[in-house]
Amino acid sequence: MTRPIPPDLGKIAGLAIASGVALMAFSGDFAMETVVVEAGELRGGVRFFSRPPQLVDSITTFNAVSIPAAKYYFTIALPEQAGEPLDRVVFQQQPNPDPINFYPEQTFAFFGDRHNRGQEIALESVNWDKTAGKITVTFAQAIAPGTIITIGLKPWKNPDVPGVYQFRVFALPPGTNSQAMDLGVARFQFYRGGTW
């Protein structure tokens, strides 16, 4: 289960945890309570990134509509100060002109980016929820901070309707009680007669 952190607490926690200090909480009767936390973890075991990963690039190999050979690449940088390793990434398809379907078994990942491709990364699972338009990619071993990775998704084909297609990307540290970090929206533009 993914649990949100209240905005005020999230800001305070990020600063405090990055510095390795305790958090001070106030109850309704103004009694002060000290909450000792480890880097990237709040009371109750909620784990989160002290410094968020970044979606640094997203690109398709072909931007013509209806092309079956395309692949969609998403490059993510996990900073040294992340505080937690990267366990899984979720791609949430936004309301698009034409829903895109995927071959989850053909999903792949590697260290580096498309131009500096490194070692392949083993995946534990890829869950494609067609109804929700959501793909969850879980790594066999969590990715250490200070790493750049790229995930490749394989659609059945590019959409038949031209236009801008968007995927909201979320990154999560290990654990079922972890906080999803919204990395923003990846955008792909598809054209009639685009590149093959």
N, C-alpha and C. Protein backbone atom coordinates (compact mmCIF):
# COMPACT_ATOMS: atom_id res chain seq x y z
N MET A 1 0.85 -1.19 0.00
CA MET A 1 0.00 0.00 0.00
C MET A 1 0.88 1.24 0.00
N THR A 2 0.49 2.22 -0.77
CA THR A 2 1.22 3.48 -0.82
C THR A 2 0.52 4.50 0.06
N ARG A 3 1.29 5.15 0.94
CA ARG A 3 0.69 6.10 1.87
C ARG A 3 1.28 7.48 1.65
N PRO A 4 0.40 8.50 1.52
CA PRO A 4 0.91 9.86 1.34
C PRO A 4 1.42 10.44 2.65
N ILE A 5 2.39 11.33 2.56
CA ILE A 5 2.89 12.06 3.72
C ILE A 5 2.23 13.43 3.72
N PRO A 6 1.66 13.87 4.84
CA PRO A 6 1.08 15.22 4.87
C PRO A 6 2.10 16.24 4.39
N PRO A 7 1.68 17.23 3.57
CA PRO A 7 2.61 18.19 2.97
C PRO A 7 3.56 18.85 3.95
N ASP A 8 3.02 19.35 5.08
CA ASP A 8 3.87 20.04 6.05
C ASP A 8 4.90 19.09 6.64
N LEU A 9 4.45 17.89 6.99
CA LEU A 9 5.36 16.92 7.58
C LEU A 9 6.40 16.48 6.58
N GLY A 10 6.00 16.33 5.33
CA GLY A 10 6.94 15.90 4.29
C GLY A 10 8.07 16.88 4.13
N LYS A 11 7.77 18.19 4.14
CA LYS A 11 8.82 19.20 3.99
C LYS A 11 9.78 19.16 5.17
N ILE A 12 9.21 19.09 6.37
CA ILE A 12 10.03 19.08 7.57
C ILE A 12 10.86 17.81 7.62
N ALA A 13 10.22 16.67 7.30
CA ALA A 13 10.90 15.39 7.38
C ALA A 13 12.06 15.33 6.41
N GLY A 14 11.87 15.85 5.21
CA GLY A 14 12.93 15.81 4.21
C GLY A 14 14.16 16.53 4.69
N LEU A 15 13.99 17.71 5.29
CA LEU A 15 15.12 18.47 5.79
C LEU A 15 15.75 17.80 7.00
N ALA A 16 14.90 17.34 7.89
CA ALA A 16 15.41 16.76 9.13
C ALA A 16 16.14 15.46 8.88
N ILE A 17 15.55 14.61 8.04
CA ILE A 17 16.14 13.31 7.82
C ILE A 17 17.45 13.44 7.07
N ALA A 18 17.51 14.38 6.13
CA ALA A 18 18.75 14.60 5.38
C ALA A 18 19.88 15.00 6.32
N SER A 19 19.53 15.64 7.42
CA SER A 19 20.54 16.10 8.38
C SER A 19 20.76 15.09 9.50
N GLY A 20 19.95 14.01 9.54
CA GLY A 20 20.11 12.99 10.55
C GLY A 20 19.67 13.44 11.93
N VAL A 21 18.62 14.26 12.01
CA VAL A 21 18.16 14.73 13.31
C VAL A 21 16.80 14.15 13.62
N ALA A 22 16.36 14.37 14.86
CA ALA A 22 15.05 13.89 15.28
C ALA A 22 13.99 14.91 14.90
N LEU A 23 12.76 14.43 14.73
CA LEU A 23 11.64 15.31 14.43
C LEU A 23 10.86 15.56 15.71
N MET A 24 10.32 16.75 15.85
CA MET A 24 9.52 17.09 17.02
C MET A 24 8.07 17.24 16.59
N ALA A 25 7.18 16.52 17.25
CA ALA A 25 5.76 16.58 16.91
C ALA A 25 4.98 17.10 18.11
N PHE A 26 3.86 17.79 17.84
CA PHE A 26 3.03 18.33 18.90
C PHE A 26 1.67 17.66 18.87
N SER A 27 1.21 17.21 20.03
CA SER A 27 -0.12 16.62 20.12
C SER A 27 -1.14 17.71 20.35
N GLY A 28 -2.42 17.31 20.45
CA GLY A 28 -3.49 18.30 20.58
C GLY A 28 -3.38 19.14 21.83
N ASP A 29 -2.81 18.61 22.92
CA ASP A 29 -2.71 19.39 24.15
C ASP A 29 -1.35 20.09 24.26
N PHE A 30 -0.67 20.24 23.13
CA PHE A 30 0.60 20.95 23.03
C PHE A 30 1.75 20.25 23.74
N ALA A 31 1.57 19.00 24.12
CA ALA A 31 2.70 18.25 24.68
C ALA A 31 3.63 17.89 23.53
N MET A 32 4.92 18.05 23.76
CA MET A 32 5.89 17.80 22.70
C MET A 32 6.34 16.35 22.72
N GLU A 33 6.46 15.77 21.53
CA GLU A 33 6.88 14.38 21.42
C GLU A 33 8.06 14.31 20.47
N THR A 34 9.07 13.57 20.85
CA THR A 34 10.24 13.40 19.99
C THR A 34 10.06 12.14 19.16
N VAL A 35 10.18 12.29 17.85
CA VAL A 35 10.05 11.16 16.93
C VAL A 35 11.41 10.92 16.30
N VAL A 36 12.06 9.85 16.68
CA VAL A 36 13.38 9.54 16.14
C VAL A 36 13.19 8.72 14.87
N VAL A 37 13.81 9.16 13.79
CA VAL A 37 13.65 8.47 12.51
C VAL A 37 15.01 8.18 11.91
N GLU A 38 15.04 7.13 11.10
CA GLU A 38 16.22 6.83 10.32
C GLU A 38 16.08 7.52 8.97
N ALA A 39 17.19 7.60 8.25
CA ALA A 39 17.16 8.25 6.94
C ALA A 39 16.14 7.58 6.04
N GLY A 40 15.20 8.35 5.55
CA GLY A 40 14.22 7.82 4.61
C GLY A 40 13.10 7.03 5.23
N GLU A 41 12.91 7.13 6.55
CA GLU A 41 11.84 6.36 7.18
C GLU A 41 11.20 7.16 8.31
N LEU A 42 9.87 7.18 8.32
CA LEU A 42 9.12 7.83 9.38
C LEU A 42 8.55 6.79 10.33
N ARG A 43 8.05 7.25 11.47
CA ARG A 43 7.41 6.35 12.42
C ARG A 43 6.28 5.61 11.73
N GLY A 44 6.15 4.34 12.01
CA GLY A 44 5.16 3.53 11.33
C GLY A 44 5.75 2.80 10.14
N GLY A 45 7.05 3.04 9.89
CA GLY A 45 7.73 2.33 8.82
C GLY A 45 7.51 2.88 7.43
N VAL A 46 6.97 4.10 7.32
CA VAL A 46 6.77 4.72 6.01
C VAL A 46 8.13 5.13 5.46
N ARG A 47 8.55 4.52 4.37
CA ARG A 47 9.85 4.82 3.77
C ARG A 47 9.67 5.77 2.60
N PHE A 48 10.63 6.68 2.44
CA PHE A 48 10.54 7.65 1.35
C PHE A 48 11.94 8.13 0.99
N PHE A 49 12.04 8.79 -0.15
CA PHE A 49 13.32 9.33 -0.60
C PHE A 49 13.59 10.67 0.08
N SER A 50 14.78 10.80 0.70
CA SER A 50 15.16 12.08 1.27
C SER A 50 15.38 13.12 0.18
N ARG A 51 15.93 12.66 -0.94
CA ARG A 51 16.08 13.50 -2.12
C ARG A 51 15.53 12.72 -3.30
N PRO A 52 14.58 13.28 -4.03
CA PRO A 52 13.83 12.49 -5.01
C PRO A 52 14.64 12.12 -6.25
N PRO A 53 14.31 10.96 -6.84
CA PRO A 53 14.85 10.63 -8.16
C PRO A 53 14.33 11.64 -9.19
N GLN A 54 14.97 11.68 -10.35
CA GLN A 54 14.56 12.60 -11.41
C GLN A 54 14.33 11.85 -12.71
N LEU A 55 13.24 12.19 -13.38
CA LEU A 55 12.99 11.69 -14.72
C LEU A 55 13.75 12.62 -15.66
N VAL A 56 14.86 12.14 -16.21
CA VAL A 56 15.74 13.02 -16.99
C VAL A 56 15.49 12.94 -18.49
N ASP A 57 14.82 11.87 -18.94
CA ASP A 57 14.57 11.77 -20.38
C ASP A 57 13.47 10.75 -20.64
N SER A 58 12.72 10.97 -21.70
CA SER A 58 11.74 10.00 -22.20
C SER A 58 11.68 10.17 -23.70
N ILE A 59 11.75 9.05 -24.41
CA ILE A 59 11.81 9.12 -25.87
C ILE A 59 11.25 7.84 -26.48
N THR A 60 10.68 7.96 -27.66
CA THR A 60 10.24 6.79 -28.41
C THR A 60 11.16 6.60 -29.61
N THR A 61 11.36 5.35 -30.00
CA THR A 61 12.23 5.07 -31.14
C THR A 61 11.56 5.43 -32.47
N PHE A 62 10.23 5.45 -32.49
CA PHE A 62 9.49 5.83 -33.69
C PHE A 62 8.31 6.70 -33.27
N ASN A 63 8.08 7.81 -33.96
CA ASN A 63 6.96 8.68 -33.57
C ASN A 63 5.85 8.74 -34.61
N ALA A 64 5.83 7.79 -35.54
CA ALA A 64 4.71 7.69 -36.49
C ALA A 64 3.60 6.85 -35.86
N VAL A 65 2.35 7.21 -36.13
CA VAL A 65 1.23 6.45 -35.58
C VAL A 65 1.22 5.03 -36.14
N SER A 66 0.69 4.11 -35.34
CA SER A 66 0.41 2.72 -35.75
C SER A 66 1.63 1.85 -36.00
N ILE A 67 2.84 2.33 -35.69
CA ILE A 67 4.06 1.55 -35.92
C ILE A 67 4.19 0.47 -34.84
N PRO A 68 4.35 -0.82 -35.23
CA PRO A 68 4.43 -1.88 -34.23
C PRO A 68 5.82 -2.09 -33.63
N ALA A 69 6.85 -1.49 -34.20
CA ALA A 69 8.23 -1.77 -33.77
C ALA A 69 8.77 -0.79 -32.73
N ALA A 70 7.95 0.13 -32.24
CA ALA A 70 8.44 1.19 -31.35
C ALA A 70 8.77 0.66 -29.95
N LYS A 71 9.65 1.38 -29.28
CA LYS A 71 9.94 1.17 -27.86
C LYS A 71 9.94 2.53 -27.20
N TYR A 72 9.50 2.56 -25.93
CA TYR A 72 9.47 3.81 -25.17
C TYR A 72 10.51 3.72 -24.06
N TYR A 73 11.43 4.68 -24.05
CA TYR A 73 12.52 4.69 -23.07
C TYR A 73 12.29 5.79 -22.03
N PHE A 74 12.51 5.44 -20.76
CA PHE A 74 12.40 6.38 -19.65
C PHE A 74 13.70 6.31 -18.84
N THR A 75 14.43 7.42 -18.76
CA THR A 75 15.69 7.44 -18.02
C THR A 75 15.50 8.18 -16.69
N ILE A 76 15.93 7.53 -15.62
CA ILE A 76 15.74 8.05 -14.26
C ILE A 76 17.08 8.11 -13.55
N ALA A 77 17.35 9.23 -12.89
CA ALA A 77 18.58 9.40 -12.11
C ALA A 77 18.23 9.37 -10.63
N LEU A 78 18.89 8.48 -9.89
CA LEU A 78 18.71 8.38 -8.45
C LEU A 78 19.91 9.03 -7.78
N PRO A 79 19.73 10.18 -7.11
CA PRO A 79 20.87 10.92 -6.55
C PRO A 79 21.55 10.19 -5.40
N GLU A 80 22.80 10.55 -5.16
CA GLU A 80 23.57 9.96 -4.05
C GLU A 80 22.87 10.16 -2.72
N GLN A 81 22.18 11.31 -2.58
CA GLN A 81 21.55 11.67 -1.31
C GLN A 81 20.10 11.18 -1.22
N ALA A 82 19.73 10.20 -2.03
CA ALA A 82 18.33 9.74 -2.06
C ALA A 82 17.88 9.17 -0.72
N GLY A 83 18.81 8.59 0.04
CA GLY A 83 18.45 8.05 1.34
C GLY A 83 17.88 6.65 1.30
N GLU A 84 17.34 6.25 0.15
CA GLU A 84 16.75 4.92 -0.03
C GLU A 84 17.08 4.43 -1.44
N PRO A 85 17.17 3.12 -1.63
CA PRO A 85 17.33 2.59 -2.98
C PRO A 85 15.99 2.64 -3.73
N LEU A 86 16.06 2.46 -5.03
CA LEU A 86 14.87 2.47 -5.88
C LEU A 86 14.41 1.03 -6.08
N ASP A 87 13.19 0.74 -5.65
CA ASP A 87 12.67 -0.62 -5.71
C ASP A 87 11.78 -0.86 -6.93
N ARG A 88 10.95 0.14 -7.27
CA ARG A 88 10.02 -0.05 -8.38
C ARG A 88 9.60 1.29 -8.96
N VAL A 89 9.14 1.23 -10.20
CA VAL A 89 8.69 2.42 -10.92
C VAL A 89 7.32 2.13 -11.50
N VAL A 90 6.43 3.10 -11.38
CA VAL A 90 5.06 2.97 -11.89
C VAL A 90 4.85 3.98 -13.00
N PHE A 91 4.31 3.51 -14.12
CA PHE A 91 3.97 4.37 -15.25
C PHE A 91 2.45 4.40 -15.37
N GLN A 92 1.87 5.56 -15.12
CA GLN A 92 0.41 5.72 -15.15
C GLN A 92 0.02 6.48 -16.41
N GLN A 93 -0.62 5.75 -17.34
CA GLN A 93 -1.06 6.39 -18.57
C GLN A 93 -2.14 7.41 -18.25
N GLN A 94 -1.97 8.62 -18.76
CA GLN A 94 -2.94 9.69 -18.54
C GLN A 94 -4.05 9.58 -19.59
N PRO A 95 -5.15 10.32 -19.43
CA PRO A 95 -6.20 10.29 -20.46
C PRO A 95 -5.61 10.73 -21.81
N ASN A 96 -5.44 9.79 -22.71
CA ASN A 96 -4.80 10.05 -23.99
C ASN A 96 -5.79 9.89 -25.13
N PRO A 97 -5.47 10.42 -26.32
CA PRO A 97 -6.40 10.31 -27.45
C PRO A 97 -6.74 8.87 -27.81
N ASP A 98 -5.81 7.93 -27.57
CA ASP A 98 -6.01 6.53 -27.93
C ASP A 98 -5.22 5.69 -26.93
N PRO A 99 -5.87 4.82 -26.14
CA PRO A 99 -5.13 4.04 -25.14
C PRO A 99 -4.03 3.20 -25.79
N ILE A 100 -2.89 3.11 -25.10
CA ILE A 100 -1.76 2.32 -25.59
C ILE A 100 -1.67 1.05 -24.77
N ASN A 101 -1.58 -0.09 -25.45
CA ASN A 101 -1.43 -1.38 -24.78
C ASN A 101 0.03 -1.84 -24.88
N PHE A 102 0.42 -2.70 -23.94
CA PHE A 102 1.83 -3.10 -23.83
C PHE A 102 2.00 -4.60 -23.73
N TYR A 103 3.22 -5.04 -24.07
CA TYR A 103 3.68 -6.40 -23.82
C TYR A 103 4.53 -6.35 -22.55
N PRO A 104 3.95 -6.64 -21.38
CA PRO A 104 4.74 -6.51 -20.14
C PRO A 104 5.96 -7.43 -20.11
N GLU A 105 5.85 -8.60 -20.74
CA GLU A 105 6.97 -9.56 -20.72
C GLU A 105 8.16 -9.08 -21.54
N GLN A 106 7.97 -8.05 -22.37
CA GLN A 106 9.07 -7.52 -23.17
C GLN A 106 9.69 -6.26 -22.55
N THR A 107 9.26 -5.91 -21.34
CA THR A 107 9.85 -4.77 -20.63
C THR A 107 11.30 -5.10 -20.26
N PHE A 108 12.18 -4.12 -20.31
CA PHE A 108 13.59 -4.33 -19.99
C PHE A 108 14.14 -3.09 -19.30
N ALA A 109 15.31 -3.23 -18.69
CA ALA A 109 15.96 -2.11 -18.01
C ALA A 109 17.47 -2.30 -18.07
N PHE A 110 18.20 -1.19 -18.01
CA PHE A 110 19.66 -1.25 -18.02
C PHE A 110 20.23 -0.01 -17.33
N PHE A 111 21.48 -0.11 -16.90
CA PHE A 111 22.17 1.03 -16.31
C PHE A 111 22.59 2.00 -17.41
N GLY A 112 22.55 3.29 -17.09
CA GLY A 112 22.92 4.31 -18.06
C GLY A 112 21.72 4.79 -18.86
N ASP A 113 22.01 5.42 -20.01
CA ASP A 113 20.93 5.90 -20.87
C ASP A 113 21.06 5.26 -22.25
N ARG A 114 20.24 5.69 -23.19
CA ARG A 114 20.23 5.05 -24.51
C ARG A 114 21.57 5.21 -25.24
N HIS A 115 22.27 6.29 -24.95
CA HIS A 115 23.53 6.57 -25.65
C HIS A 115 24.74 5.97 -24.94
N ASN A 116 24.58 5.63 -23.66
CA ASN A 116 25.65 5.01 -22.87
C ASN A 116 25.06 3.82 -22.13
N ARG A 117 24.74 2.81 -22.89
CA ARG A 117 24.01 1.67 -22.34
C ARG A 117 24.94 0.75 -21.58
N GLY A 118 24.59 0.49 -20.32
CA GLY A 118 25.39 -0.37 -19.48
C GLY A 118 24.78 -1.74 -19.32
N GLN A 119 25.08 -2.37 -18.20
CA GLN A 119 24.64 -3.73 -17.91
C GLN A 119 23.12 -3.79 -17.78
N GLU A 120 22.57 -4.91 -18.22
CA GLU A 120 21.12 -5.13 -18.09
C GLU A 120 20.75 -5.27 -16.62
N ILE A 121 19.57 -4.80 -16.26
CA ILE A 121 19.07 -4.89 -14.89
C ILE A 121 17.98 -5.95 -14.84
N ALA A 122 18.13 -6.91 -13.93
CA ALA A 122 17.13 -7.97 -13.78
C ALA A 122 15.85 -7.41 -13.16
N LEU A 123 14.73 -7.86 -13.67
CA LEU A 123 13.43 -7.42 -13.17
C LEU A 123 12.76 -8.56 -12.40
N GLU A 124 12.19 -8.22 -11.26
CA GLU A 124 11.45 -9.22 -10.49
C GLU A 124 10.09 -9.46 -11.10
N SER A 125 9.42 -8.37 -11.49
CA SER A 125 8.08 -8.50 -12.06
C SER A 125 7.72 -7.24 -12.84
N VAL A 126 6.79 -7.41 -13.78
CA VAL A 126 6.19 -6.29 -14.50
C VAL A 126 4.69 -6.54 -14.51
N ASN A 127 3.95 -5.66 -13.88
CA ASN A 127 2.51 -5.81 -13.77
C ASN A 127 1.82 -4.78 -14.66
N TRP A 128 1.06 -5.26 -15.65
CA TRP A 128 0.33 -4.38 -16.57
C TRP A 128 -1.15 -4.44 -16.23
N ASP A 129 -1.66 -3.37 -15.63
CA ASP A 129 -3.08 -3.25 -15.32
C ASP A 129 -3.74 -2.51 -16.48
N LYS A 130 -4.30 -3.27 -17.42
CA LYS A 130 -4.85 -2.68 -18.63
C LYS A 130 -6.02 -1.75 -18.33
N THR A 131 -6.85 -2.14 -17.37
CA THR A 131 -8.02 -1.33 -17.03
C THR A 131 -7.61 0.04 -16.50
N ALA A 132 -6.61 0.06 -15.63
CA ALA A 132 -6.15 1.32 -15.03
C ALA A 132 -5.12 2.02 -15.90
N GLY A 133 -4.60 1.34 -16.94
CA GLY A 133 -3.56 1.93 -17.77
C GLY A 133 -2.26 2.14 -17.02
N LYS A 134 -1.93 1.18 -16.16
CA LYS A 134 -0.78 1.35 -15.26
C LYS A 134 0.18 0.16 -15.38
N ILE A 135 1.47 0.47 -15.48
CA ILE A 135 2.51 -0.55 -15.51
C ILE A 135 3.41 -0.35 -14.29
N THR A 136 3.61 -1.42 -13.52
CA THR A 136 4.51 -1.38 -12.37
C THR A 136 5.70 -2.28 -12.64
N VAL A 137 6.89 -1.68 -12.65
CA VAL A 137 8.13 -2.41 -12.92
C VAL A 137 8.90 -2.53 -11.60
N THR A 138 9.10 -3.76 -11.13
CA THR A 138 9.82 -4.01 -9.87
C THR A 138 11.16 -4.68 -10.18
N PHE A 139 12.22 -4.14 -9.61
CA PHE A 139 13.56 -4.67 -9.86
C PHE A 139 13.84 -5.89 -8.98
N ALA A 140 14.63 -6.83 -9.50
CA ALA A 140 15.00 -8.01 -8.72
C ALA A 140 15.84 -7.61 -7.51
N GLN A 141 16.66 -6.58 -7.68
CA GLN A 141 17.44 -6.02 -6.58
C GLN A 141 17.31 -4.51 -6.64
N ALA A 142 16.99 -3.89 -5.52
CA ALA A 142 16.79 -2.44 -5.49
C ALA A 142 18.03 -1.71 -6.00
N ILE A 143 17.80 -0.60 -6.71
CA ILE A 143 18.86 0.17 -7.34
C ILE A 143 19.48 1.13 -6.33
N ALA A 144 20.79 1.09 -6.19
CA ALA A 144 21.49 1.92 -5.20
C ALA A 144 21.48 3.39 -5.60
N PRO A 145 21.47 4.29 -4.61
CA PRO A 145 21.59 5.72 -4.90
C PRO A 145 22.86 6.02 -5.69
N GLY A 146 22.82 7.12 -6.45
CA GLY A 146 23.96 7.50 -7.28
C GLY A 146 24.00 6.77 -8.60
N THR A 147 22.84 6.33 -9.07
CA THR A 147 22.75 5.50 -10.27
C THR A 147 21.80 6.11 -11.29
N ILE A 148 22.12 5.94 -12.57
CA ILE A 148 21.21 6.31 -13.66
C ILE A 148 20.75 5.02 -14.33
N ILE A 149 19.46 4.89 -14.52
CA ILE A 149 18.91 3.70 -15.17
C ILE A 149 17.94 4.10 -16.27
N THR A 150 17.69 3.18 -17.17
CA THR A 150 16.69 3.38 -18.22
C THR A 150 15.78 2.17 -18.27
N ILE A 151 14.49 2.43 -18.35
CA ILE A 151 13.48 1.37 -18.49
C ILE A 151 12.87 1.48 -19.88
N GLY A 152 12.74 0.34 -20.55
CA GLY A 152 12.14 0.31 -21.88
C GLY A 152 10.81 -0.43 -21.85
N LEU A 153 9.77 0.20 -22.36
CA LEU A 153 8.45 -0.43 -22.48
C LEU A 153 8.18 -0.74 -23.95
N LYS A 154 7.53 -1.87 -24.20
CA LYS A 154 7.23 -2.29 -25.56
C LYS A 154 5.72 -2.29 -25.78
N PRO A 155 5.19 -1.32 -26.54
CA PRO A 155 3.75 -1.29 -26.84
C PRO A 155 3.40 -2.31 -27.92
N TRP A 156 2.11 -2.66 -27.98
CA TRP A 156 1.66 -3.49 -29.10
C TRP A 156 2.00 -2.77 -30.40
N LYS A 157 1.71 -1.49 -30.40
CA LYS A 157 2.02 -0.60 -31.52
C LYS A 157 1.81 0.82 -31.04
N ASN A 158 2.32 1.77 -31.80
CA ASN A 158 2.02 3.17 -31.48
C ASN A 158 0.53 3.42 -31.67
N PRO A 159 -0.01 4.42 -30.98
CA PRO A 159 -1.45 4.70 -31.13
C PRO A 159 -1.80 5.06 -32.56
N ASP A 160 -3.06 4.82 -32.93
CA ASP A 160 -3.53 5.14 -34.28
C ASP A 160 -3.90 6.61 -34.44
N VAL A 161 -4.16 7.26 -33.32
CA VAL A 161 -4.58 8.67 -33.36
C VAL A 161 -3.37 9.56 -33.04
N PRO A 162 -3.03 10.50 -33.91
CA PRO A 162 -1.89 11.39 -33.63
C PRO A 162 -2.18 12.32 -32.46
N GLY A 163 -1.12 12.84 -31.85
CA GLY A 163 -1.28 13.77 -30.74
C GLY A 163 -0.23 13.55 -29.67
N VAL A 164 -0.41 14.24 -28.55
CA VAL A 164 0.50 14.13 -27.40
C VAL A 164 -0.03 13.09 -26.43
N TYR A 165 0.83 12.16 -26.06
CA TYR A 165 0.47 11.10 -25.12
C TYR A 165 1.35 11.23 -23.87
N GLN A 166 0.72 11.07 -22.70
CA GLN A 166 1.42 11.35 -21.45
C GLN A 166 1.37 10.16 -20.49
N PHE A 167 2.47 9.98 -19.78
CA PHE A 167 2.58 8.97 -18.73
C PHE A 167 3.13 9.65 -17.48
N ARG A 168 2.39 9.56 -16.39
CA ARG A 168 2.91 10.08 -15.12
C ARG A 168 3.76 8.98 -14.51
N VAL A 169 4.95 9.36 -14.02
CA VAL A 169 5.93 8.39 -13.55
C VAL A 169 6.12 8.54 -12.04
N PHE A 170 6.06 7.41 -11.34
CA PHE A 170 6.25 7.39 -9.89
C PHE A 170 7.40 6.45 -9.54
N ALA A 171 8.20 6.83 -8.54
CA ALA A 171 9.29 5.99 -8.05
C ALA A 171 9.04 5.65 -6.59
N LEU A 172 9.35 4.41 -6.21
CA LEU A 172 9.12 3.98 -4.83
C LEU A 172 10.34 3.26 -4.27
N PRO A 173 10.65 3.49 -2.98
CA PRO A 173 11.68 2.72 -2.30
C PRO A 173 11.12 1.35 -1.92
N PRO A 174 11.95 0.45 -1.35
CA PRO A 174 11.46 -0.87 -0.98
C PRO A 174 10.38 -0.83 0.10
N GLY A 175 9.60 -1.90 0.15
CA GLY A 175 8.60 -2.05 1.20
C GLY A 175 7.19 -1.80 0.72
N THR A 176 6.25 -2.48 1.37
CA THR A 176 4.84 -2.29 1.02
C THR A 176 4.29 -1.00 1.62
N ASN A 177 5.00 -0.45 2.60
CA ASN A 177 4.55 0.76 3.27
C ASN A 177 5.43 1.94 2.85
N SER A 178 5.66 2.07 1.55
CA SER A 178 6.57 3.11 1.05
C SER A 178 5.81 4.23 0.37
N GLN A 179 6.44 5.39 0.34
CA GLN A 179 5.84 6.61 -0.21
C GLN A 179 6.24 6.79 -1.67
N ALA A 180 5.25 6.86 -2.56
CA ALA A 180 5.52 7.08 -3.98
C ALA A 180 5.95 8.52 -4.22
N MET A 181 6.98 8.70 -5.02
CA MET A 181 7.45 10.03 -5.39
C MET A 181 7.06 10.30 -6.84
N ASP A 182 6.30 11.36 -7.05
CA ASP A 182 5.85 11.74 -8.39
C ASP A 182 7.02 12.40 -9.13
N LEU A 183 7.48 11.77 -10.20
CA LEU A 183 8.62 12.30 -10.96
C LEU A 183 8.18 13.20 -12.11
N GLY A 184 6.89 13.38 -12.26
CA GLY A 184 6.40 14.24 -13.34
C GLY A 184 5.84 13.43 -14.50
N VAL A 185 5.63 14.09 -15.61
CA VAL A 185 4.95 13.49 -16.76
C VAL A 185 5.91 13.34 -17.93
N ALA A 186 5.95 12.14 -18.50
CA ALA A 186 6.70 11.90 -19.74
C ALA A 186 5.73 12.09 -20.90
N ARG A 187 6.17 12.82 -21.93
CA ARG A 187 5.30 13.13 -23.07
C ARG A 187 5.90 12.58 -24.36
N PHE A 188 5.03 11.98 -25.16
CA PHE A 188 5.41 11.50 -26.49
C PHE A 188 4.48 12.13 -27.51
N GLN A 189 5.05 12.60 -28.61
CA GLN A 189 4.27 13.20 -29.69
C GLN A 189 4.27 12.23 -30.88
N PHE A 190 3.08 11.84 -31.31
CA PHE A 190 2.96 10.93 -32.45
C PHE A 190 2.30 11.65 -33.62
N TYR A 191 2.82 11.38 -34.82
CA TYR A 191 2.38 12.08 -36.03
C TYR A 191 1.96 11.08 -37.10
N ARG A 192 1.13 11.54 -38.00
CA ARG A 192 0.90 10.78 -39.23
C ARG A 192 2.10 11.04 -40.14
N GLY A 193 2.71 9.98 -40.63
CA GLY A 193 3.88 10.15 -41.47
C GLY A 193 5.11 10.57 -40.70
N GLY A 194 5.18 10.25 -39.39
CA GLY A 194 6.36 10.58 -38.59
C GLY A 194 7.53 9.67 -38.94
N THR A 195 8.58 9.70 -38.11
CA THR A 195 9.79 8.91 -38.38
C THR A 195 9.53 7.43 -38.16
N TRP A 196 10.16 6.62 -39.00
CA TRP A 196 10.04 5.16 -38.90
C TRP A 196 11.30 4.60 -38.27
